[in-house]
Amino acid sequence: MDKNAHFFERVYAVARKIPYGKVTSYGAIAKFLGVAKSARMVGWAMNKTHKDETIPAHRVVNRKGLLTGKHHFDGTNLMQQLLESEGIIIKNNQILKFDEVFWHPNS
């Protein structure tokens, strides 16, 4: 298994733990995995998995709660629709009350 594939699997293992109705950030996952400066690599991993329904990629956003990965989902607003179906409120591509729905991987 190449280095990226192993890293991606570690990212996916964390993403699978994000509870329904919660979100986390690329940076929080990177920090949890011990590679705090690799948030973009986490984003790349999430972009590669948007069609795998076992990985809730829609629950991973940027550090400000912006839906920066939304263009990797089929359909114009699929990421937003998935989050809203879980009770998360979004306005102008940003999660409202972000602190209240944020999940820390180390919790």
N, C-alpha and C. Protein backbone atom coordinates (compact mmCIF):
# COMPACT_ATOMS: atom_id res chain seq x y z
N MET A 1 0.86 -1.18 0.00
CA MET A 1 0.00 0.00 0.00
C MET A 1 0.90 1.23 0.00
N ASP A 2 0.62 2.16 -0.88
CA ASP A 2 1.47 3.35 -0.93
C ASP A 2 1.15 4.28 0.24
N LYS A 3 2.04 5.23 0.43
CA LYS A 3 1.95 6.15 1.56
C LYS A 3 0.63 6.93 1.58
N ASN A 4 0.20 7.45 0.42
CA ASN A 4 -1.05 8.20 0.35
C ASN A 4 -2.25 7.33 0.67
N ALA A 5 -2.26 6.10 0.15
CA ALA A 5 -3.39 5.20 0.39
C ALA A 5 -3.52 4.92 1.88
N HIS A 6 -2.42 4.70 2.56
CA HIS A 6 -2.45 4.47 4.01
C HIS A 6 -2.98 5.70 4.75
N PHE A 7 -2.50 6.88 4.36
CA PHE A 7 -2.97 8.12 4.97
C PHE A 7 -4.46 8.29 4.74
N PHE A 8 -4.91 8.06 3.51
CA PHE A 8 -6.33 8.20 3.18
C PHE A 8 -7.18 7.28 4.05
N GLU A 9 -6.74 6.05 4.23
CA GLU A 9 -7.50 5.10 5.05
C GLU A 9 -7.60 5.58 6.50
N ARG A 10 -6.55 6.19 7.00
CA ARG A 10 -6.59 6.75 8.36
C ARG A 10 -7.59 7.91 8.43
N VAL A 11 -7.60 8.75 7.40
CA VAL A 11 -8.56 9.86 7.32
C VAL A 11 -9.98 9.31 7.31
N TYR A 12 -10.23 8.30 6.49
CA TYR A 12 -11.57 7.73 6.36
C TYR A 12 -12.03 7.09 7.67
N ALA A 13 -11.11 6.48 8.39
CA ALA A 13 -11.46 5.86 9.68
C ALA A 13 -11.97 6.93 10.65
N VAL A 14 -11.33 8.10 10.65
CA VAL A 14 -11.78 9.20 11.52
C VAL A 14 -13.12 9.73 11.02
N ALA A 15 -13.24 9.95 9.73
CA ALA A 15 -14.48 10.50 9.17
C ALA A 15 -15.68 9.61 9.47
N ARG A 16 -15.48 8.31 9.47
CA ARG A 16 -16.59 7.38 9.76
C ARG A 16 -17.11 7.53 11.19
N LYS A 17 -16.33 8.13 12.05
CA LYS A 17 -16.72 8.30 13.47
C LYS A 17 -17.48 9.60 13.73
N ILE A 18 -17.55 10.48 12.74
CA ILE A 18 -18.25 11.75 12.94
C ILE A 18 -19.73 11.45 13.17
N PRO A 19 -20.27 11.86 14.29
CA PRO A 19 -21.67 11.55 14.58
C PRO A 19 -22.65 12.27 13.66
N TYR A 20 -23.79 11.66 13.47
CA TYR A 20 -24.89 12.25 12.72
C TYR A 20 -25.21 13.62 13.33
N GLY A 21 -25.38 14.63 12.50
CA GLY A 21 -25.71 15.96 12.99
C GLY A 21 -24.53 16.76 13.49
N LYS A 22 -23.32 16.25 13.26
CA LYS A 22 -22.09 16.95 13.67
C LYS A 22 -21.18 17.10 12.46
N VAL A 23 -20.23 17.99 12.55
CA VAL A 23 -19.22 18.19 11.51
C VAL A 23 -17.86 18.33 12.17
N THR A 24 -16.83 18.16 11.38
CA THR A 24 -15.48 18.45 11.83
C THR A 24 -14.76 19.14 10.67
N SER A 25 -13.51 19.48 10.89
CA SER A 25 -12.76 20.19 9.86
C SER A 25 -11.60 19.34 9.35
N TYR A 26 -11.13 19.72 8.18
CA TYR A 26 -9.96 19.05 7.61
C TYR A 26 -8.78 19.14 8.57
N GLY A 27 -8.60 20.34 9.13
CA GLY A 27 -7.49 20.56 10.06
C GLY A 27 -7.61 19.76 11.34
N ALA A 28 -8.83 19.60 11.86
CA ALA A 28 -9.02 18.82 13.09
C ALA A 28 -8.65 17.36 12.86
N ILE A 29 -9.01 16.84 11.70
CA ILE A 29 -8.63 15.46 11.37
C ILE A 29 -7.12 15.34 11.24
N ALA A 30 -6.51 16.30 10.54
CA ALA A 30 -5.05 16.27 10.36
C ALA A 30 -4.35 16.33 11.72
N LYS A 31 -4.79 17.22 12.58
CA LYS A 31 -4.17 17.35 13.90
C LYS A 31 -4.33 16.06 14.70
N PHE A 32 -5.51 15.46 14.65
CA PHE A 32 -5.76 14.21 15.35
C PHE A 32 -4.82 13.10 14.86
N LEU A 33 -4.53 13.11 13.56
CA LEU A 33 -3.66 12.08 12.99
C LEU A 33 -2.18 12.39 13.19
N GLY A 34 -1.88 13.52 13.83
CA GLY A 34 -0.49 13.87 14.12
C GLY A 34 0.24 14.56 12.98
N VAL A 35 -0.53 15.07 12.03
CA VAL A 35 0.05 15.78 10.89
C VAL A 35 -0.68 17.11 10.72
N ALA A 36 -0.57 17.95 11.72
CA ALA A 36 -1.37 19.17 11.81
C ALA A 36 -1.29 20.06 10.57
N LYS A 37 -0.20 20.02 9.84
CA LYS A 37 -0.05 20.90 8.67
C LYS A 37 -0.56 20.23 7.38
N SER A 38 -1.30 19.15 7.51
CA SER A 38 -1.76 18.41 6.33
C SER A 38 -3.26 18.50 6.10
N ALA A 39 -3.87 19.63 6.46
CA ALA A 39 -5.31 19.80 6.26
C ALA A 39 -5.69 19.66 4.78
N ARG A 40 -4.85 20.19 3.90
CA ARG A 40 -5.15 20.09 2.46
C ARG A 40 -5.11 18.65 1.98
N MET A 41 -4.21 17.87 2.56
CA MET A 41 -4.14 16.45 2.19
C MET A 41 -5.40 15.72 2.66
N VAL A 42 -5.91 16.10 3.83
CA VAL A 42 -7.17 15.53 4.31
C VAL A 42 -8.29 15.91 3.34
N GLY A 43 -8.30 17.16 2.89
CA GLY A 43 -9.29 17.59 1.92
C GLY A 43 -9.20 16.80 0.63
N TRP A 44 -8.01 16.53 0.20
CA TRP A 44 -7.81 15.75 -1.01
C TRP A 44 -8.36 14.34 -0.82
N ALA A 45 -8.08 13.76 0.34
CA ALA A 45 -8.61 12.43 0.64
C ALA A 45 -10.13 12.42 0.63
N MET A 46 -10.74 13.44 1.22
CA MET A 46 -12.20 13.50 1.26
C MET A 46 -12.78 13.69 -0.14
N ASN A 47 -12.11 14.45 -0.98
CA ASN A 47 -12.59 14.67 -2.34
C ASN A 47 -12.59 13.38 -3.15
N LYS A 48 -11.73 12.45 -2.79
CA LYS A 48 -11.63 11.19 -3.52
C LYS A 48 -12.71 10.20 -3.11
N THR A 49 -13.46 10.48 -2.07
CA THR A 49 -14.38 9.49 -1.51
C THR A 49 -15.84 9.88 -1.51
N HIS A 50 -16.20 10.97 -2.14
CA HIS A 50 -17.57 11.48 -2.03
C HIS A 50 -18.64 10.50 -2.51
N LYS A 51 -18.27 9.49 -3.28
CA LYS A 51 -19.27 8.53 -3.75
C LYS A 51 -19.34 7.28 -2.86
N ASP A 52 -18.46 7.16 -1.89
CA ASP A 52 -18.47 6.03 -0.97
C ASP A 52 -19.41 6.38 0.19
N GLU A 53 -20.57 5.78 0.20
CA GLU A 53 -21.59 6.13 1.19
C GLU A 53 -21.23 5.73 2.62
N THR A 54 -20.16 4.94 2.80
CA THR A 54 -19.76 4.57 4.16
C THR A 54 -18.92 5.66 4.81
N ILE A 55 -18.52 6.65 4.01
CA ILE A 55 -17.69 7.74 4.53
C ILE A 55 -18.49 9.04 4.41
N PRO A 56 -18.87 9.64 5.54
CA PRO A 56 -19.68 10.87 5.49
C PRO A 56 -18.86 12.11 5.17
N ALA A 57 -18.38 12.19 3.94
CA ALA A 57 -17.52 13.30 3.53
C ALA A 57 -18.21 14.64 3.66
N HIS A 58 -19.53 14.64 3.60
CA HIS A 58 -20.27 15.91 3.72
C HIS A 58 -20.12 16.53 5.11
N ARG A 59 -19.68 15.76 6.09
CA ARG A 59 -19.52 16.25 7.46
C ARG A 59 -18.15 16.86 7.71
N VAL A 60 -17.32 16.98 6.68
CA VAL A 60 -15.99 17.56 6.84
C VAL A 60 -15.96 18.87 6.06
N VAL A 61 -15.68 19.96 6.77
CA VAL A 61 -15.72 21.30 6.20
C VAL A 61 -14.43 22.04 6.56
N ASN A 62 -14.31 23.27 6.14
CA ASN A 62 -13.10 24.00 6.50
C ASN A 62 -13.20 24.54 7.93
N ARG A 63 -12.14 25.13 8.41
CA ARG A 63 -12.05 25.54 9.83
C ARG A 63 -13.03 26.64 10.21
N LYS A 64 -13.63 27.29 9.22
CA LYS A 64 -14.61 28.35 9.50
C LYS A 64 -16.05 27.87 9.30
N GLY A 65 -16.20 26.60 8.93
CA GLY A 65 -17.54 26.07 8.72
C GLY A 65 -18.07 26.28 7.31
N LEU A 66 -17.18 26.62 6.39
CA LEU A 66 -17.58 26.80 5.00
C LEU A 66 -17.61 25.47 4.26
N LEU A 67 -18.57 25.31 3.38
CA LEU A 67 -18.71 24.09 2.59
C LEU A 67 -17.78 24.14 1.37
N THR A 68 -16.49 24.15 1.65
CA THR A 68 -15.51 24.32 0.57
C THR A 68 -15.41 23.10 -0.34
N GLY A 69 -15.85 21.94 0.10
CA GLY A 69 -15.77 20.75 -0.73
C GLY A 69 -17.03 20.44 -1.51
N LYS A 70 -17.98 21.35 -1.50
CA LYS A 70 -19.29 21.07 -2.09
C LYS A 70 -19.26 20.77 -3.59
N HIS A 71 -18.30 21.32 -4.30
CA HIS A 71 -18.24 21.09 -5.74
C HIS A 71 -17.79 19.67 -6.10
N HIS A 72 -17.37 18.89 -5.11
CA HIS A 72 -16.98 17.50 -5.36
C HIS A 72 -18.15 16.54 -5.24
N PHE A 73 -19.32 17.05 -4.89
CA PHE A 73 -20.51 16.22 -4.76
C PHE A 73 -21.36 16.35 -6.01
N ASP A 74 -22.02 15.25 -6.37
CA ASP A 74 -22.95 15.30 -7.50
C ASP A 74 -24.11 16.22 -7.11
N GLY A 75 -24.59 16.97 -8.05
CA GLY A 75 -25.70 17.88 -7.75
C GLY A 75 -25.17 19.19 -7.20
N THR A 76 -25.86 20.23 -7.48
CA THR A 76 -25.42 21.57 -7.11
C THR A 76 -25.30 21.77 -5.61
N ASN A 77 -26.28 21.30 -4.85
CA ASN A 77 -26.29 21.56 -3.41
C ASN A 77 -26.34 20.29 -2.57
N LEU A 78 -25.84 19.18 -3.08
CA LEU A 78 -25.96 17.91 -2.37
C LEU A 78 -25.32 17.96 -0.98
N MET A 79 -24.13 18.52 -0.87
CA MET A 79 -23.47 18.58 0.44
C MET A 79 -24.34 19.34 1.43
N GLN A 80 -24.84 20.48 1.02
CA GLN A 80 -25.70 21.28 1.89
C GLN A 80 -26.97 20.51 2.24
N GLN A 81 -27.58 19.86 1.26
CA GLN A 81 -28.81 19.10 1.51
C GLN A 81 -28.58 17.98 2.51
N LEU A 82 -27.46 17.29 2.39
CA LEU A 82 -27.15 16.21 3.33
C LEU A 82 -26.99 16.75 4.75
N LEU A 83 -26.28 17.86 4.88
CA LEU A 83 -26.09 18.46 6.21
C LEU A 83 -27.42 18.96 6.78
N GLU A 84 -28.21 19.61 5.95
CA GLU A 84 -29.50 20.13 6.43
C GLU A 84 -30.43 18.99 6.82
N SER A 85 -30.32 17.85 6.15
CA SER A 85 -31.16 16.71 6.52
C SER A 85 -30.80 16.16 7.89
N GLU A 86 -29.61 16.53 8.37
CA GLU A 86 -29.16 16.13 9.70
C GLU A 86 -29.40 17.23 10.74
N GLY A 87 -30.08 18.30 10.32
CA GLY A 87 -30.43 19.37 11.24
C GLY A 87 -29.43 20.51 11.32
N ILE A 88 -28.44 20.50 10.47
CA ILE A 88 -27.43 21.55 10.48
C ILE A 88 -27.94 22.72 9.63
N ILE A 89 -27.86 23.91 10.17
CA ILE A 89 -28.36 25.10 9.49
C ILE A 89 -27.23 25.77 8.72
N ILE A 90 -27.49 26.06 7.45
CA ILE A 90 -26.48 26.64 6.57
C ILE A 90 -27.04 27.87 5.89
N LYS A 91 -26.22 28.91 5.85
CA LYS A 91 -26.60 30.13 5.14
C LYS A 91 -25.38 30.60 4.36
N ASN A 92 -25.57 30.86 3.08
CA ASN A 92 -24.48 31.32 2.21
C ASN A 92 -23.27 30.39 2.27
N ASN A 93 -23.53 29.10 2.19
CA ASN A 93 -22.47 28.07 2.20
C ASN A 93 -21.69 27.99 3.51
N GLN A 94 -22.23 28.51 4.58
CA GLN A 94 -21.55 28.46 5.87
C GLN A 94 -22.48 27.90 6.93
N ILE A 95 -21.92 27.05 7.77
CA ILE A 95 -22.68 26.45 8.86
C ILE A 95 -22.89 27.48 9.96
N LEU A 96 -24.14 27.68 10.34
CA LEU A 96 -24.46 28.58 11.45
C LEU A 96 -24.30 27.81 12.76
N LYS A 97 -23.95 28.51 13.81
CA LYS A 97 -23.70 27.89 15.12
C LYS A 97 -22.68 26.76 14.99
N PHE A 98 -21.63 27.04 14.25
CA PHE A 98 -20.59 26.06 13.95
C PHE A 98 -20.03 25.42 15.21
N ASP A 99 -19.77 26.22 16.23
CA ASP A 99 -19.22 25.68 17.48
C ASP A 99 -20.12 24.64 18.12
N GLU A 100 -21.42 24.78 17.94
CA GLU A 100 -22.38 23.86 18.56
C GLU A 100 -22.44 22.51 17.85
N VAL A 101 -22.13 22.48 16.58
CA VAL A 101 -22.21 21.21 15.84
C VAL A 101 -20.82 20.63 15.52
N PHE A 102 -19.78 21.31 16.00
CA PHE A 102 -18.41 20.84 15.73
C PHE A 102 -18.07 19.64 16.59
N TRP A 103 -17.53 18.63 15.96
CA TRP A 103 -17.08 17.40 16.65
C TRP A 103 -15.57 17.33 16.61
N HIS A 104 -14.96 17.16 17.78
CA HIS A 104 -13.50 17.03 17.87
C HIS A 104 -13.15 15.55 17.78
N PRO A 105 -12.29 15.16 16.86
CA PRO A 105 -11.94 13.75 16.71
C PRO A 105 -11.38 13.10 17.98
N ASN A 106 -10.78 13.87 18.85
CA ASN A 106 -10.22 13.29 20.07
C ASN A 106 -11.24 13.16 21.19
N SER A 107 -12.52 13.45 20.91
CA SER A 107 -13.51 13.35 21.98
C SER A 107 -14.17 11.97 22.01
